[in-house]
Protein backbone atom coordinates (compact mmCIF):
# COMPACT_ATOMS: atom_id res chain seq x y z
CA MET A 1 135.92 52.81 54.58
CA SER A 2 136.29 49.67 56.67
CA HIS A 3 133.71 46.96 57.24
CA ALA A 4 133.28 48.10 60.84
CA ALA A 5 132.66 51.69 59.73
CA ILE A 6 129.41 50.85 57.91
CA PRO A 7 126.55 52.15 60.07
CA ARG A 8 123.34 50.20 60.58
CA LEU A 9 121.34 51.14 57.52
CA LEU A 10 117.60 51.71 57.40
CA TRP A 11 115.50 49.39 55.24
CA PRO A 12 116.77 47.22 52.40
CA ASN A 13 116.80 50.16 49.98
CA ALA A 14 119.57 51.96 51.88
CA ALA A 15 121.69 48.83 52.05
CA SER A 16 120.97 48.14 48.39
CA LEU A 17 122.00 51.68 47.52
CA LEU A 18 125.45 51.11 48.98
CA THR A 19 125.63 47.75 47.24
CA GLY A 20 124.52 49.15 43.90
CA VAL A 21 126.96 52.04 43.88
CA LEU A 22 130.01 50.11 44.89
CA SER A 23 129.24 46.91 43.00
CA THR A 24 129.74 48.75 39.73
CA LEU A 25 133.43 49.06 40.64
CA ARG A 26 133.79 45.23 40.66
CA ILE A 27 137.09 45.16 42.54
CA GLY A 28 137.33 43.71 46.03
CA ARG A 29 134.36 42.39 48.02
CA TYR A 30 133.06 41.82 51.54
CA GLU A 31 129.77 41.03 53.22
CA CYS A 32 127.55 43.66 54.80
CA ALA A 33 125.97 42.40 58.03
CA HIS A 34 122.65 44.18 57.41
CA ASN A 35 120.26 42.20 55.14
CA ASN A 36 123.11 39.84 54.17
CA CYS A 37 124.02 42.04 51.22
CA ILE A 38 127.28 41.68 49.35
CA VAL A 39 129.22 44.90 48.96
CA GLU A 40 131.89 45.12 46.30
CA ARG A 41 134.29 48.03 46.42
CA LYS A 42 137.38 49.35 44.74
CA ARG A 43 140.65 49.21 46.65
CA GLY A 44 141.26 52.74 47.88
CA LEU A 45 138.60 55.45 48.10
CA SER A 46 135.70 55.54 45.67
CA THR A 47 133.78 58.65 44.64
CA VAL A 48 131.02 57.67 47.03
CA ASP A 49 133.45 57.22 49.92
CA LYS A 50 134.70 60.76 49.34
CA SER A 51 131.26 62.37 49.31
CA LEU A 52 130.74 64.45 52.42
CA GLU A 53 127.01 64.46 51.73
CA TRP A 54 126.74 60.68 51.57
CA GLN A 55 128.72 60.25 54.78
CA SER A 56 126.39 62.75 56.44
CA ILE A 57 123.36 60.74 55.33
CA LEU A 58 124.82 57.45 56.57
CA ASN A 59 125.64 59.00 59.93
CA ALA A 60 122.04 60.16 60.34
CA LEU A 61 120.50 56.86 59.20
CA SER A 62 122.61 54.88 61.65
CA LYS A 63 120.78 56.60 64.54
CA ILE A 64 117.26 55.63 63.46
CA PRO A 65 116.02 52.16 64.52
CA VAL A 66 114.52 50.14 61.69
CA GLU A 67 111.68 49.05 63.99
CA GLN A 68 110.69 52.69 64.49
CA THR A 69 110.14 53.23 60.80
CA ARG A 70 107.99 50.12 60.47
CA ALA A 71 105.80 51.23 63.36
CA ILE A 72 105.34 54.76 62.01
CA PHE A 73 104.72 54.30 58.30
CA GLY A 74 102.40 51.31 58.16
CA THR A 75 101.57 50.05 54.68
CA ARG A 76 99.89 52.97 52.85
CA GLY A 77 103.00 55.03 52.24
CA ALA A 78 104.90 58.01 53.54
CA ILE A 79 105.12 61.76 53.05
CA ALA A 80 108.46 63.56 53.43
CA TYR A 81 109.28 67.24 53.83
CA THR A 82 112.87 68.04 52.91
CA ASP A 83 115.13 71.08 52.87
CA GLY A 84 118.75 72.14 52.58
CA ALA A 85 120.75 75.08 53.91
CA CYS A 86 124.21 76.42 53.18
CA ILE A 87 125.94 79.07 55.29
CA LYS A 88 128.21 80.13 52.44
CA ASN A 89 127.17 79.09 48.95
CA PRO A 90 129.42 77.61 47.66
CA GLY A 91 131.82 76.54 50.38
CA GLY A 92 129.56 75.62 53.26
CA PRO A 93 129.13 74.39 55.82
CA ALA A 94 125.72 73.06 54.86
CA GLY A 95 122.93 70.99 56.30
CA TRP A 96 119.98 68.94 55.14
CA SER A 97 116.78 67.74 56.80
CA ALA A 98 113.95 65.30 56.26
CA ILE A 99 110.67 64.96 58.15
CA LEU A 100 108.70 61.79 57.42
CA VAL A 101 105.20 60.76 58.46
CA SER A 102 102.66 58.22 57.30
CA VAL A 103 100.10 59.24 54.68
CA ASP A 104 97.34 58.79 57.25
CA SER A 105 98.97 61.34 59.55
CA VAL A 106 98.48 64.26 57.13
CA VAL A 107 95.03 65.87 56.86
CA ASN A 108 94.42 68.92 54.66
CA GLY A 109 98.15 69.44 54.28
CA ALA A 110 98.87 69.48 58.03
CA ILE A 111 100.43 66.79 60.21
CA LEU A 112 98.08 65.66 62.97
CA PRO A 113 99.32 67.03 66.34
CA GLN A 114 99.85 63.63 67.96
CA ALA A 115 101.19 61.89 64.88
CA GLU A 116 104.47 60.03 65.16
CA ARG A 117 107.16 61.22 62.80
CA ILE A 118 110.83 60.86 62.01
CA GLU A 119 112.85 64.06 62.01
CA CYS A 120 116.47 63.83 60.98
CA PHE A 121 119.13 66.21 59.76
CA GLY A 122 122.80 66.12 58.88
CA HIS A 123 125.88 68.31 58.81
CA ILE A 124 128.01 68.77 55.68
CA PRO A 125 131.43 70.30 56.47
CA LYS A 126 133.07 73.14 54.62
CA ALA A 127 134.44 72.17 51.21
CA PRO A 128 134.84 73.92 47.84
CA ALA A 129 132.07 71.75 46.34
CA THR A 130 129.60 72.18 49.21
CA THR A 131 126.51 74.01 47.93
CA ASN A 132 122.89 74.57 48.81
CA ASN A 133 121.80 72.43 45.85
CA ARG A 134 123.88 69.49 47.08
CA ALA A 135 122.29 69.89 50.52
CA GLU A 136 118.81 69.86 48.94
CA ILE A 137 119.63 66.67 47.00
CA SER A 138 121.03 65.07 50.16
CA ALA A 139 117.73 65.67 51.94
CA VAL A 140 115.87 63.84 49.16
CA LEU A 141 118.34 60.94 49.26
CA ALA A 142 117.86 60.65 53.02
CA ALA A 143 114.07 60.59 52.69
CA MET A 144 114.26 57.90 50.02
CA SER A 145 116.58 55.83 52.22
CA ILE A 146 114.28 56.05 55.23
CA ALA A 147 110.92 55.44 53.55
CA PRO A 148 109.99 51.85 52.63
CA ARG A 149 110.71 51.31 48.95
CA ASP A 150 107.66 49.10 48.41
CA TYR A 151 105.11 51.74 49.48
CA PRO A 152 104.36 55.11 47.82
CA LEU A 153 106.42 58.14 48.82
CA THR A 154 105.65 61.82 48.23
CA ILE A 155 108.44 64.34 48.83
CA TYR A 156 107.74 68.03 49.41
CA SER A 157 110.63 70.40 48.64
CA ASP A 158 111.05 74.13 48.05
CA SER A 159 113.92 73.48 45.61
CA GLU A 160 112.70 73.78 42.03
CA TYR A 161 116.14 72.67 40.82
CA THR A 162 116.02 69.45 42.84
CA ILE A 163 112.47 68.53 41.85
CA LYS A 164 112.86 69.23 38.13
CA THR A 165 116.18 67.40 37.94
CA ALA A 166 114.72 64.42 39.80
CA GLN A 167 111.77 64.39 37.38
CA GLY A 168 114.10 64.53 34.37
CA LEU A 169 112.99 68.02 33.31
CA TYR A 170 116.50 69.37 34.00
CA LYS A 171 119.65 67.49 33.03
CA GLY A 172 121.72 66.39 36.01
CA LYS A 173 125.01 67.72 34.67
CA ALA A 174 125.93 69.32 37.98
CA ASN A 175 126.39 67.09 41.05
CA PRO A 176 126.54 63.84 39.01
CA ASP A 177 127.68 61.78 42.00
CA LEU A 178 124.57 62.60 44.02
CA TRP A 179 122.26 62.21 41.05
CA SER A 180 123.79 58.77 40.42
CA LEU A 181 122.84 57.81 43.96
CA TYR A 182 119.34 59.14 43.33
CA GLN A 183 118.95 57.03 40.19
CA ILE A 184 120.08 53.90 42.03
CA LEU A 185 117.59 54.50 44.84
CA LEU A 186 114.87 55.22 42.31
CA ARG A 187 115.52 51.96 40.46
CA LYS A 188 115.32 50.04 43.73
CA ARG A 189 111.83 51.36 44.43
CA SER A 190 108.86 49.17 43.53
CA ALA A 191 106.27 51.80 44.50
CA SER A 192 105.66 55.30 43.17
CA LEU A 193 107.74 58.37 44.02
CA GLN A 194 106.17 61.79 43.59
CA PHE A 195 107.41 65.32 44.20
CA GLU A 196 105.49 68.42 45.24
CA TRP A 197 106.93 71.94 45.20
CA VAL A 198 106.18 74.22 48.13
CA ARG A 199 107.14 77.89 48.36
CA GLY A 200 109.86 78.39 50.94
CA HIS A 201 109.43 80.78 53.88
CA ALA A 202 105.76 81.23 53.10
CA GLY A 203 104.18 79.94 56.30
CA HIS A 204 104.07 76.24 55.35
CA ALA A 205 104.48 74.64 58.79
CA GLN A 206 106.31 71.49 57.69
CA ASN A 207 108.61 73.40 55.33
CA GLU A 208 109.42 75.90 58.09
CA ARG A 209 110.32 73.05 60.43
CA ALA A 210 112.44 71.39 57.75
CA ASP A 211 114.16 74.72 57.16
CA GLU A 212 114.93 75.00 60.87
CA LEU A 213 116.38 71.49 61.03
CA ALA A 214 118.51 72.06 57.91
CA GLY A 215 119.88 75.22 59.51
CA LEU A 216 120.70 73.30 62.67
CA GLY A 217 122.46 70.74 60.52
CA ALA A 218 124.52 73.43 58.83
CA TRP A 219 125.65 74.64 62.25
CA ASN A 220 126.28 71.07 63.41
CA ASN A 221 123.44 71.26 65.95
CA ASP A 222 124.83 74.40 67.62
CA GLN A 223 121.53 76.01 68.64
CA GLN A 224 122.99 79.37 69.66
CA ALA A 225 125.05 79.76 66.48
CA PHE A 226 122.01 78.80 64.41
CA GLU A 227 119.80 81.39 66.12
CA ARG A 228 122.38 84.15 65.60
CA TRP A 229 122.59 83.19 61.93
CA GLN A 230 118.80 83.20 61.60
CA GLU A 231 118.59 86.72 62.99
CA SER A 232 121.26 87.94 60.57
CA GLN A 233 119.36 86.55 57.56
CA THR A 234 116.18 88.61 57.95
CA PRO A 235 115.72 91.50 55.52
CA GLU A 236 115.35 93.84 58.50
CA ALA A 237 118.76 92.78 59.83
CA ARG A 238 120.41 93.32 56.44
CA THR A 239 118.78 96.60 55.40
CA GLY A 240 116.80 98.02 58.28
CA VAL A 241 113.50 97.39 56.44
CA ALA A 242 110.88 96.09 58.85
CA PRO A 243 108.59 93.22 57.79
CA ALA A 244 105.55 95.51 58.00
CA GLN A 245 107.21 97.98 55.63
CA LEU A 246 108.04 95.19 53.19
CA ALA A 247 104.38 94.13 53.25
CA THR A 248 103.34 97.72 52.46
CA LEU A 249 105.80 97.92 49.59
CA ARG A 250 104.46 94.66 48.13
CA GLN A 251 100.92 96.00 48.36
CA GLN A 252 101.90 99.29 46.71
CA ALA A 253 103.76 97.54 43.88
CA GLN A 254 100.84 95.22 43.19
CA GLY A 255 98.37 98.11 43.30
CA LEU A 256 100.47 100.16 40.87
CA LYS A 257 100.79 97.25 38.46
CA ALA A 258 97.04 96.64 38.54
CA LEU A 259 96.46 100.33 37.78
CA PHE A 260 99.10 100.52 35.04
CA ASP A 261 97.57 97.49 33.31
CA THR A 262 94.36 99.51 32.84
CA ILE A 263 96.15 102.50 31.29
CA ALA A 264 97.06 102.55 27.62
CA VAL A 265 100.78 102.13 27.00
CA ASP A 266 100.83 104.97 24.49
CA GLY A 267 98.60 107.26 26.56
CA GLY A 268 101.51 109.17 28.06
CA ARG A 269 100.21 109.02 31.62
CA VAL A 270 102.68 106.33 32.66
CA SER A 271 106.23 106.24 31.28
CA LEU A 272 107.79 103.03 30.01
CA GLN A 273 110.46 103.38 32.69
CA GLU A 274 107.80 103.54 35.41
CA ARG A 275 106.05 100.48 34.02
CA LYS A 276 109.24 98.46 33.88
CA PHE A 277 110.26 99.49 37.39
CA VAL A 278 106.90 98.48 38.86
CA ASP A 279 106.89 95.17 36.98
CA ASP A 280 110.39 94.39 38.28
CA MET A 281 109.49 95.35 41.86
CA VAL A 282 106.41 93.12 41.85
CA LYS A 283 108.59 90.16 40.83
CA HIS A 284 111.40 90.94 43.28
CA LEU A 285 109.09 91.55 46.24
CA GLN A 286 107.56 88.10 45.80
CA LYS A 287 110.88 86.70 47.03
CA ASN A 288 111.15 86.56 50.78
CA ASN A 289 114.89 87.20 50.75
CA PHE A 290 114.65 90.37 48.60
CA ALA A 291 115.63 93.61 50.36
CA PRO A 292 114.86 96.76 48.31
CA THR A 293 117.37 99.60 48.36
CA GLU A 294 116.51 103.00 49.78
CA LYS A 295 116.30 104.40 46.23
CA GLN A 296 113.86 101.65 45.19
CA ARG A 297 111.71 102.21 48.30
CA ASN A 298 111.55 105.96 47.75
CA TRP A 299 110.67 105.63 44.06
CA LEU A 300 107.93 103.09 44.75
CA GLN A 301 106.45 105.19 47.54
CA GLY A 302 106.64 108.27 45.30
CA LEU A 303 104.73 106.50 42.53
CA ALA A 304 102.12 105.29 45.04
CA THR A 305 101.58 108.90 46.12
CA LYS A 306 101.52 110.20 42.56
CA PHE A 307 98.93 107.70 41.38
CA LYS A 308 97.06 107.64 44.72
CA VAL A 309 97.51 103.91 45.28
């Protein structure tokens, strides 16, 4: 990674991140033009240099003018919506996205129509270590690099793994290189960082947009390839089950569970097998990517007829 190869980084926190990571190696040294930081690096490639995710983030940040971020965020803080996507998990390719707006631009959970925002995404090439989780972490790292470190930042993500690891509830044993970058960025912040979980593919406008951008990133901004992939991911495309039929199945499963909960377990009217099946279907059908088999659909519909639900 040559001196000339360093892209123009956003805000002091992004430059400091690079400084902090490489300075721990304490071998070799050169000056970074942005913010007059001193970057120390090991001769040869470091772990950070080798990270496809980090290179993807730097490439995206180099295209965003620093002046644009100052004009958009003001002084009260920023809100970010992040997501990751992986075509083959693991293996990739993958993509990440981050949408950032000022706190004042979000009212009742929605971004004001005319509000200025920063939308960015990146492409992570195929590699054995490329995963959806690494793409999700990359999106968070990008948001933290873009947002001013001295004003509050709230990040919305549909990745429970990413949020709970960032909060210290999960141990960051997997993906230690990216979590090391996260910790460095976190230490550089002088204002609060908060996370909010949002259910994916549940009609949340900002999350849906972030999902779209992450998908575009995974396909390296190939719109046609992305659209073909999107169509192939729907439950209807995989199993022939239409969205309306899935909605009916969810309603039937929930109705059966509500009924079964009112019937004594030892009454004999409902078998233990039927109870377990309905409980499992209620849980599975809450997931937007779940596609019930023909046998499961028939059994559920049969129970709905039997119990007049």
